[in-house]
Protein backbone atom coordinates (compact mmCIF):
# COMPACT_ATOMS: atom_id res chain seq x y z
CA MET A 1 93.15 59.13 80.89
CA LEU A 2 94.04 58.76 84.57
CA ILE A 3 97.77 58.74 83.84
CA SER A 4 97.52 61.89 81.74
CA LEU A 5 95.56 63.65 84.51
CA SER A 6 98.18 62.53 87.00
CA ALA A 7 100.95 63.81 84.73
CA PHE A 8 99.14 67.14 84.42
CA PHE A 9 99.04 67.57 88.21
CA LEU A 10 102.68 66.56 88.56
CA VAL A 11 103.81 69.04 85.91
CA ALA A 12 101.61 71.79 87.37
CA GLY A 13 103.12 71.13 90.79
CA ALA A 14 106.62 71.39 89.33
CA VAL A 15 105.68 74.72 87.73
CA PHE A 16 104.58 76.08 91.12
CA PHE A 17 107.83 74.86 92.70
CA LEU A 18 109.71 76.71 89.96
CA ALA A 19 107.66 79.85 90.58
CA GLY A 20 108.47 79.69 94.29
CA THR A 21 112.15 79.31 93.51
CA LEU A 22 112.06 82.29 91.17
CA GLY A 23 110.33 84.32 93.87
CA LEU A 24 113.05 83.34 96.33
CA LEU A 25 115.71 84.55 93.93
CA ARG A 26 114.01 87.69 92.63
CA PHE A 27 112.11 89.30 95.50
CA PRO A 28 113.87 92.06 97.45
CA ASP A 29 113.49 91.15 101.13
CA VAL A 30 113.06 88.24 103.49
CA TYR A 31 109.31 88.76 103.96
CA THR A 32 108.35 88.75 100.28
CA ARG A 33 110.71 85.87 99.60
CA LEU A 34 109.17 83.91 102.43
CA HIS A 35 105.68 84.61 101.18
CA ALA A 36 106.49 83.50 97.64
CA LEU A 37 108.26 80.39 98.78
CA THR A 38 105.67 79.15 101.26
CA LYS A 39 102.61 79.85 99.11
CA ALA A 40 103.97 78.44 95.86
CA ASP A 41 105.61 75.42 97.46
CA ASN A 42 102.50 74.47 99.42
CA LEU A 43 100.36 74.61 96.30
CA GLY A 44 103.03 72.84 94.23
CA LEU A 45 103.29 70.07 96.78
CA GLY A 46 99.51 69.76 96.95
CA LEU A 47 99.29 69.34 93.18
CA MET A 48 102.08 66.78 93.19
CA VAL A 49 100.44 64.83 95.98
CA LEU A 50 97.18 64.88 94.05
CA GLY A 51 98.97 63.56 90.98
CA LEU A 52 100.59 60.81 93.03
CA MET A 53 97.31 59.95 94.76
CA LEU A 54 95.80 59.22 91.36
CA GLN A 55 98.56 56.64 90.83
CA ALA A 56 98.36 55.14 94.32
CA GLU A 57 97.72 51.42 94.46
CA SER A 58 95.42 51.58 97.46
CA LEU A 59 93.30 53.97 99.45
CA ALA A 60 95.72 53.56 102.37
CA ALA A 61 98.64 54.76 100.22
CA ALA A 62 96.61 57.75 99.03
CA GLY A 63 95.67 58.55 102.63
CA LYS A 64 99.32 58.45 103.66
CA LEU A 65 100.21 60.90 100.89
CA LEU A 66 97.45 63.22 102.03
CA PHE A 67 98.63 62.97 105.64
CA ILE A 68 102.21 63.78 104.64
CA TRP A 69 100.98 66.84 102.72
CA LEU A 70 99.00 68.06 105.73
CA LEU A 71 102.03 67.62 108.00
CA LEU A 72 104.17 69.59 105.58
CA LEU A 73 101.57 72.36 105.42
CA ALA A 74 101.79 72.72 109.20
CA ALA A 75 105.59 72.56 109.16
CA SER A 76 105.82 75.16 106.40
CA ALA A 77 103.53 77.57 108.22
CA THR A 78 105.47 77.12 111.45
CA ALA A 79 108.85 77.58 109.76
CA GLY A 80 107.61 80.65 107.90
CA GLN A 81 106.35 82.19 111.12
CA LEU A 82 109.64 81.48 112.88
CA VAL A 83 111.74 83.00 110.10
CA ALA A 84 109.52 86.10 109.91
CA SER A 85 109.63 86.52 113.71
CA TRP A 86 113.40 86.15 113.69
CA ALA A 87 113.74 88.77 110.93
CA GLN A 88 111.46 91.16 112.78
CA GLY A 89 113.37 90.58 116.01
CA LYS A 90 116.62 91.43 114.22
CA GLY A 91 115.08 94.70 113.05
CA ILE A 92 114.91 93.79 109.37
CA ALA A 93 112.39 96.19 107.90
CA PRO A 94 110.02 95.18 105.12
CA TRP A 95 110.95 96.44 101.68
CA ARG A 96 109.31 99.71 100.68
CA ARG A 97 109.33 101.19 97.23
């Protein structure tokens, strides 16, 4: 039961990573691509970490996985902000229909 729940979270995380990649390839401008990539990848990574935490051998290993996920959330938000600020500074306008 625990392994199948872990597998579910791992597969769901992979699906969100795939959705973020598709958003990166399909969306029209840097801002929408950035939004799709950061949101989907953060959720995908969270689901994968949850799936791996269920398989962790100790509470310390699960805590380390959680800590890594939190660090990557902060890094992703910072990188997204930097890319968006750079694009705005270069005068790249958001896509309008």
